Amino acid sequence: MMFAVGTKDFKTIATHGGRTRRFLVYRAAAGAEPVETGRIELGEGEVLHLCGDGRPHPIDVAQVVITGSSGAGFLAHMRRRGIEPVTTMESDPVQAIRYWFAGVVRPAPEPEHPHEHHDGDGQP
């Protein structure tokens, strides 16, 4: 199973999934240690907050996307792409994947400010 974990520094999990430009990509299976298999670096116009559902996107390699706090629009956008969105309070990417397999992810709180200015239609 493939996971994309939003990160700001390629070490810790980033908040605001829709604006994250960097992702660590892991292959993982239950009972096995997650293995980093690549990285995704998005251009400003490719951030998921702005990207519509109808076109291919580098994030499509993942079955699960893990980020810090993210709004309802981002979560719905990921589901429409066929990707399970997960928010977490965890900062360590590998630990977050372990928690996902164990079913004990501590979800991040929803953002305090609304930032879903559109619903995945590519328009600000």
N, C-alpha and C. Protein backbone atom coordinates (compact mmCIF):
# COMPACT_ATOMS: atom_id res chain seq x y z
N MET A 1 0.85 -1.17 0.00
CA MET A 1 0.00 0.00 0.00
C MET A 1 0.89 1.23 0.00
N MET A 2 0.50 2.25 -0.75
CA MET A 2 1.29 3.47 -0.86
C MET A 2 0.67 4.60 -0.04
N PHE A 3 1.54 5.31 0.69
CA PHE A 3 1.17 6.44 1.53
C PHE A 3 1.93 7.67 1.05
N ALA A 4 1.26 8.80 1.00
CA ALA A 4 1.92 10.09 0.80
C ALA A 4 1.71 10.89 2.08
N VAL A 5 2.81 11.35 2.66
CA VAL A 5 2.75 12.06 3.93
C VAL A 5 3.21 13.50 3.68
N GLY A 6 2.31 14.45 3.91
CA GLY A 6 2.65 15.85 3.73
C GLY A 6 3.72 16.28 4.71
N THR A 7 4.71 17.02 4.20
CA THR A 7 5.82 17.45 5.04
C THR A 7 6.30 18.84 4.61
N LYS A 8 6.80 19.58 5.54
CA LYS A 8 7.38 20.88 5.21
C LYS A 8 8.90 20.75 5.03
N ASP A 9 9.51 19.82 5.75
CA ASP A 9 10.96 19.72 5.81
C ASP A 9 11.50 18.32 5.50
N PHE A 10 10.66 17.43 4.99
CA PHE A 10 11.03 16.03 4.71
C PHE A 10 11.43 15.27 5.97
N LYS A 11 10.98 15.77 7.14
CA LYS A 11 11.24 15.10 8.41
C LYS A 11 9.98 14.95 9.25
N THR A 12 9.15 15.98 9.25
CA THR A 12 7.96 15.99 10.10
C THR A 12 6.71 16.23 9.26
N ILE A 13 5.57 15.89 9.81
CA ILE A 13 4.30 16.05 9.11
C ILE A 13 3.87 17.51 9.13
N ALA A 14 3.49 18.00 7.97
CA ALA A 14 3.06 19.39 7.80
C ALA A 14 1.56 19.52 8.07
N THR A 15 1.17 20.70 8.51
CA THR A 15 -0.25 21.01 8.62
C THR A 15 -0.73 21.60 7.31
N HIS A 16 -2.02 21.79 7.21
CA HIS A 16 -2.68 22.37 6.04
C HIS A 16 -2.39 21.54 4.79
N GLY A 17 -2.97 20.35 4.73
CA GLY A 17 -2.75 19.43 3.63
C GLY A 17 -2.97 20.01 2.25
N GLY A 18 -3.94 20.89 2.11
CA GLY A 18 -4.25 21.45 0.81
C GLY A 18 -3.19 22.39 0.28
N ARG A 19 -2.34 22.93 1.14
CA ARG A 19 -1.28 23.85 0.72
C ARG A 19 0.11 23.22 0.75
N THR A 20 0.20 21.98 1.22
CA THR A 20 1.48 21.30 1.31
C THR A 20 2.07 21.07 -0.07
N ARG A 21 3.34 21.38 -0.23
CA ARG A 21 4.01 21.21 -1.53
C ARG A 21 4.98 20.04 -1.55
N ARG A 22 5.25 19.46 -0.40
CA ARG A 22 6.18 18.33 -0.32
C ARG A 22 5.51 17.14 0.36
N PHE A 23 5.77 15.98 -0.21
CA PHE A 23 5.24 14.74 0.34
C PHE A 23 6.33 13.68 0.34
N LEU A 24 6.40 12.93 1.43
CA LEU A 24 7.21 11.72 1.47
C LEU A 24 6.32 10.58 1.01
N VAL A 25 6.84 9.69 0.18
CA VAL A 25 6.06 8.55 -0.31
C VAL A 25 6.62 7.29 0.32
N TYR A 26 5.73 6.50 0.93
CA TYR A 26 6.12 5.26 1.59
C TYR A 26 5.32 4.10 1.03
N ARG A 27 5.99 2.95 0.97
CA ARG A 27 5.30 1.67 0.74
C ARG A 27 5.25 1.00 2.11
N ALA A 28 4.08 0.51 2.47
CA ALA A 28 3.92 -0.09 3.79
C ALA A 28 2.87 -1.19 3.75
N ALA A 29 3.03 -2.13 4.65
CA ALA A 29 2.07 -3.21 4.82
C ALA A 29 1.94 -3.50 6.31
N ALA A 30 0.81 -4.04 6.69
CA ALA A 30 0.59 -4.37 8.09
C ALA A 30 1.70 -5.29 8.59
N GLY A 31 2.26 -4.96 9.75
CA GLY A 31 3.29 -5.79 10.36
C GLY A 31 4.69 -5.57 9.82
N ALA A 32 4.84 -4.69 8.84
CA ALA A 32 6.16 -4.41 8.26
C ALA A 32 6.50 -2.94 8.46
N GLU A 33 7.77 -2.65 8.53
CA GLU A 33 8.21 -1.26 8.70
C GLU A 33 8.00 -0.49 7.39
N PRO A 34 7.39 0.72 7.44
CA PRO A 34 7.23 1.54 6.24
C PRO A 34 8.59 1.87 5.62
N VAL A 35 8.64 1.87 4.29
CA VAL A 35 9.87 2.17 3.57
C VAL A 35 9.63 3.37 2.67
N GLU A 36 10.47 4.40 2.83
CA GLU A 36 10.35 5.56 1.95
C GLU A 36 10.79 5.16 0.55
N THR A 37 9.93 5.43 -0.44
CA THR A 37 10.23 5.05 -1.82
C THR A 37 10.39 6.24 -2.74
N GLY A 38 10.09 7.44 -2.24
CA GLY A 38 10.23 8.61 -3.09
C GLY A 38 9.75 9.86 -2.40
N ARG A 39 9.79 10.95 -3.15
CA ARG A 39 9.34 12.24 -2.66
C ARG A 39 8.60 12.94 -3.79
N ILE A 40 7.62 13.73 -3.40
CA ILE A 40 6.88 14.54 -4.35
C ILE A 40 7.10 16.00 -3.97
N GLU A 41 7.49 16.81 -4.94
CA GLU A 41 7.59 18.26 -4.73
C GLU A 41 6.69 18.91 -5.77
N LEU A 42 5.67 19.60 -5.30
CA LEU A 42 4.68 20.22 -6.17
C LEU A 42 5.04 21.67 -6.46
N GLY A 43 4.72 22.11 -7.67
CA GLY A 43 4.80 23.52 -8.00
C GLY A 43 3.63 24.24 -7.34
N GLU A 44 3.72 25.56 -7.25
CA GLU A 44 2.65 26.34 -6.59
C GLU A 44 1.28 26.05 -7.22
N GLY A 45 1.21 25.90 -8.53
CA GLY A 45 -0.06 25.64 -9.19
C GLY A 45 -0.55 24.21 -9.05
N GLU A 46 0.27 23.33 -8.47
CA GLU A 46 -0.12 21.94 -8.29
C GLU A 46 -0.60 21.62 -6.88
N VAL A 47 -0.54 22.59 -5.95
CA VAL A 47 -0.98 22.29 -4.59
C VAL A 47 -2.42 21.79 -4.64
N LEU A 48 -2.74 20.88 -3.76
CA LEU A 48 -4.03 20.21 -3.81
C LEU A 48 -5.20 21.15 -3.54
N HIS A 49 -4.95 22.25 -2.88
CA HIS A 49 -5.99 23.24 -2.61
C HIS A 49 -6.50 23.85 -3.92
N LEU A 50 -5.64 23.92 -4.93
CA LEU A 50 -5.99 24.55 -6.19
C LEU A 50 -6.27 23.57 -7.32
N CYS A 51 -5.89 22.33 -7.14
CA CYS A 51 -5.96 21.33 -8.22
C CYS A 51 -7.36 20.73 -8.31
N GLY A 52 -7.95 20.75 -9.47
CA GLY A 52 -9.26 20.15 -9.69
C GLY A 52 -9.20 18.63 -9.66
N ASP A 53 -10.35 18.01 -9.57
CA ASP A 53 -10.43 16.55 -9.48
C ASP A 53 -10.20 15.86 -10.82
N GLY A 54 -10.41 16.54 -11.93
CA GLY A 54 -10.45 15.87 -13.22
C GLY A 54 -9.13 15.58 -13.90
N ARG A 55 -8.03 16.13 -13.41
CA ARG A 55 -6.77 15.90 -14.10
C ARG A 55 -5.83 15.05 -13.25
N PRO A 56 -4.94 14.30 -13.90
CA PRO A 56 -3.97 13.50 -13.14
C PRO A 56 -3.10 14.39 -12.26
N HIS A 57 -2.63 13.81 -11.17
CA HIS A 57 -1.83 14.57 -10.21
C HIS A 57 -0.79 13.63 -9.61
N PRO A 58 0.39 14.12 -9.27
CA PRO A 58 1.42 13.25 -8.67
C PRO A 58 0.95 12.53 -7.41
N ILE A 59 0.01 13.10 -6.66
CA ILE A 59 -0.47 12.47 -5.42
C ILE A 59 -1.24 11.18 -5.69
N ASP A 60 -1.64 10.98 -6.94
CA ASP A 60 -2.44 9.80 -7.30
C ASP A 60 -1.70 8.48 -7.12
N VAL A 61 -0.39 8.51 -6.83
CA VAL A 61 0.36 7.28 -6.56
C VAL A 61 -0.05 6.67 -5.23
N ALA A 62 -0.68 7.46 -4.36
CA ALA A 62 -0.99 7.02 -3.00
C ALA A 62 -2.42 6.51 -2.86
N GLN A 63 -2.58 5.57 -1.96
CA GLN A 63 -3.91 5.13 -1.56
C GLN A 63 -4.36 5.87 -0.29
N VAL A 64 -3.37 6.37 0.47
CA VAL A 64 -3.64 7.09 1.71
C VAL A 64 -2.76 8.34 1.73
N VAL A 65 -3.35 9.49 2.08
CA VAL A 65 -2.59 10.72 2.28
C VAL A 65 -2.73 11.11 3.74
N ILE A 66 -1.59 11.35 4.39
CA ILE A 66 -1.57 11.73 5.80
C ILE A 66 -1.04 13.16 5.90
N THR A 67 -1.77 14.02 6.60
CA THR A 67 -1.36 15.40 6.84
C THR A 67 -1.72 15.78 8.26
N GLY A 68 -1.30 16.97 8.64
CA GLY A 68 -1.77 17.56 9.88
C GLY A 68 -3.17 18.07 9.64
N SER A 69 -3.55 19.13 10.30
CA SER A 69 -4.93 19.61 10.17
C SER A 69 -5.24 19.98 8.73
N SER A 70 -6.42 19.64 8.31
CA SER A 70 -6.89 19.91 6.95
C SER A 70 -8.39 20.10 7.01
N GLY A 71 -8.90 20.96 6.17
CA GLY A 71 -10.32 21.26 6.18
C GLY A 71 -11.16 20.21 5.46
N ALA A 72 -12.46 20.35 5.62
CA ALA A 72 -13.41 19.40 5.03
C ALA A 72 -13.31 19.35 3.51
N GLY A 73 -13.02 20.48 2.88
CA GLY A 73 -12.90 20.50 1.42
C GLY A 73 -11.75 19.64 0.93
N PHE A 74 -10.60 19.73 1.61
CA PHE A 74 -9.45 18.91 1.25
C PHE A 74 -9.77 17.43 1.42
N LEU A 75 -10.40 17.09 2.54
CA LEU A 75 -10.74 15.69 2.80
C LEU A 75 -11.69 15.15 1.72
N ALA A 76 -12.69 15.94 1.36
CA ALA A 76 -13.63 15.52 0.31
C ALA A 76 -12.93 15.39 -1.03
N HIS A 77 -12.03 16.31 -1.33
CA HIS A 77 -11.28 16.28 -2.58
C HIS A 77 -10.47 14.99 -2.69
N MET A 78 -9.80 14.60 -1.62
CA MET A 78 -9.01 13.36 -1.64
C MET A 78 -9.92 12.15 -1.85
N ARG A 79 -11.05 12.13 -1.17
CA ARG A 79 -11.99 10.99 -1.35
C ARG A 79 -12.47 10.90 -2.78
N ARG A 80 -12.76 12.04 -3.41
CA ARG A 80 -13.19 12.02 -4.82
C ARG A 80 -12.10 11.48 -5.72
N ARG A 81 -10.85 11.63 -5.33
CA ARG A 81 -9.74 11.10 -6.12
C ARG A 81 -9.52 9.62 -5.82
N GLY A 82 -10.26 9.06 -4.87
CA GLY A 82 -10.08 7.66 -4.49
C GLY A 82 -8.95 7.45 -3.51
N ILE A 83 -8.58 8.50 -2.80
CA ILE A 83 -7.48 8.45 -1.83
C ILE A 83 -8.06 8.67 -0.44
N GLU A 84 -7.68 7.83 0.52
CA GLU A 84 -8.15 7.99 1.89
C GLU A 84 -7.36 9.11 2.57
N PRO A 85 -8.03 10.18 3.00
CA PRO A 85 -7.32 11.24 3.71
C PRO A 85 -7.29 10.96 5.21
N VAL A 86 -6.15 11.22 5.82
CA VAL A 86 -5.99 11.02 7.25
C VAL A 86 -5.32 12.26 7.82
N THR A 87 -5.91 12.84 8.85
CA THR A 87 -5.23 13.92 9.57
C THR A 87 -4.74 13.34 10.88
N THR A 88 -3.63 13.87 11.34
CA THR A 88 -3.04 13.35 12.57
C THR A 88 -2.36 14.44 13.37
N MET A 89 -2.31 14.23 14.67
CA MET A 89 -1.56 15.10 15.56
C MET A 89 -0.10 14.65 15.64
N GLU A 90 0.19 13.48 15.11
CA GLU A 90 1.54 12.92 15.13
C GLU A 90 2.46 13.76 14.25
N SER A 91 3.72 13.90 14.62
CA SER A 91 4.67 14.65 13.80
C SER A 91 5.61 13.74 13.00
N ASP A 92 5.77 12.50 13.44
CA ASP A 92 6.68 11.57 12.77
C ASP A 92 5.95 10.78 11.68
N PRO A 93 6.37 10.88 10.43
CA PRO A 93 5.67 10.20 9.33
C PRO A 93 5.57 8.68 9.50
N VAL A 94 6.66 8.03 9.87
CA VAL A 94 6.65 6.57 10.01
C VAL A 94 5.71 6.16 11.15
N GLN A 95 5.76 6.88 12.26
CA GLN A 95 4.87 6.55 13.37
C GLN A 95 3.41 6.74 12.98
N ALA A 96 3.11 7.77 12.20
CA ALA A 96 1.73 7.98 11.75
C ALA A 96 1.24 6.81 10.92
N ILE A 97 2.09 6.26 10.07
CA ILE A 97 1.71 5.09 9.26
C ILE A 97 1.50 3.88 10.17
N ARG A 98 2.38 3.69 11.13
CA ARG A 98 2.21 2.58 12.09
C ARG A 98 0.86 2.71 12.81
N TYR A 99 0.55 3.94 13.27
CA TYR A 99 -0.72 4.17 13.95
C TYR A 99 -1.90 3.88 13.02
N TRP A 100 -1.78 4.24 11.75
CA TRP A 100 -2.86 3.97 10.79
C TRP A 100 -3.14 2.47 10.73
N PHE A 101 -2.10 1.68 10.60
CA PHE A 101 -2.29 0.22 10.55
C PHE A 101 -2.86 -0.31 11.86
N ALA A 102 -2.48 0.28 12.98
CA ALA A 102 -2.98 -0.16 14.28
C ALA A 102 -4.38 0.36 14.58
N GLY A 103 -4.86 1.31 13.76
CA GLY A 103 -6.19 1.88 13.98
C GLY A 103 -6.25 2.83 15.16
N VAL A 104 -5.12 3.48 15.48
CA VAL A 104 -5.09 4.37 16.64
C VAL A 104 -4.62 5.78 16.29
N VAL A 105 -4.87 6.24 15.09
CA VAL A 105 -4.48 7.59 14.70
C VAL A 105 -5.25 8.60 15.55
N ARG A 106 -4.52 9.58 16.10
CA ARG A 106 -5.16 10.69 16.81
C ARG A 106 -5.40 11.78 15.78
N PRO A 107 -6.64 11.99 15.35
CA PRO A 107 -6.91 12.98 14.31
C PRO A 107 -6.53 14.39 14.76
N ALA A 108 -6.03 15.16 13.81
CA ALA A 108 -5.74 16.56 14.08
C ALA A 108 -7.05 17.32 14.16
N PRO A 109 -7.10 18.36 14.98
CA PRO A 109 -8.32 19.17 15.02
C PRO A 109 -8.51 19.89 13.69
N GLU A 110 -9.75 20.18 13.35
CA GLU A 110 -10.03 20.93 12.14
C GLU A 110 -9.43 22.32 12.29
N PRO A 111 -8.96 22.92 11.20
CA PRO A 111 -8.34 24.25 11.28
C PRO A 111 -9.27 25.27 11.93
N GLU A 112 -8.68 26.22 12.64
CA GLU A 112 -9.47 27.26 13.30
C GLU A 112 -10.05 28.25 12.31
N HIS A 113 -9.38 28.43 11.18
CA HIS A 113 -9.88 29.36 10.16
C HIS A 113 -10.36 28.58 8.94
N PRO A 114 -11.47 28.98 8.36
CA PRO A 114 -11.91 28.29 7.15
C PRO A 114 -10.99 28.66 6.00
N HIS A 115 -10.49 27.64 5.29
CA HIS A 115 -9.64 27.93 4.15
C HIS A 115 -10.05 27.20 2.90
N GLU A 116 -11.20 26.55 2.90
CA GLU A 116 -11.73 25.93 1.70
C GLU A 116 -12.55 26.99 0.97
N HIS A 117 -11.91 27.75 0.12
CA HIS A 117 -12.56 28.83 -0.60
C HIS A 117 -13.29 28.33 -1.83
N HIS A 118 -13.09 27.09 -2.16
CA HIS A 118 -13.76 26.45 -3.28
C HIS A 118 -13.80 24.97 -2.96
N ASP A 119 -14.44 24.18 -3.78
CA ASP A 119 -14.56 22.76 -3.49
C ASP A 119 -13.95 21.92 -4.60
N GLY A 120 -12.67 22.15 -4.87
CA GLY A 120 -11.95 21.31 -5.81
C GLY A 120 -12.25 21.59 -7.26
N ASP A 121 -12.78 22.75 -7.57
CA ASP A 121 -13.13 23.03 -8.96
C ASP A 121 -12.00 23.76 -9.70
N GLY A 122 -10.86 23.96 -9.01
CA GLY A 122 -9.74 24.63 -9.63
C GLY A 122 -9.84 26.13 -9.61
N GLN A 123 -10.88 26.69 -9.03
CA GLN A 123 -11.06 28.14 -8.98
C GLN A 123 -10.85 28.62 -7.56
N PRO A 124 -10.13 29.73 -7.38
CA PRO A 124 -9.94 30.28 -6.02
C PRO A 124 -11.21 30.88 -5.47
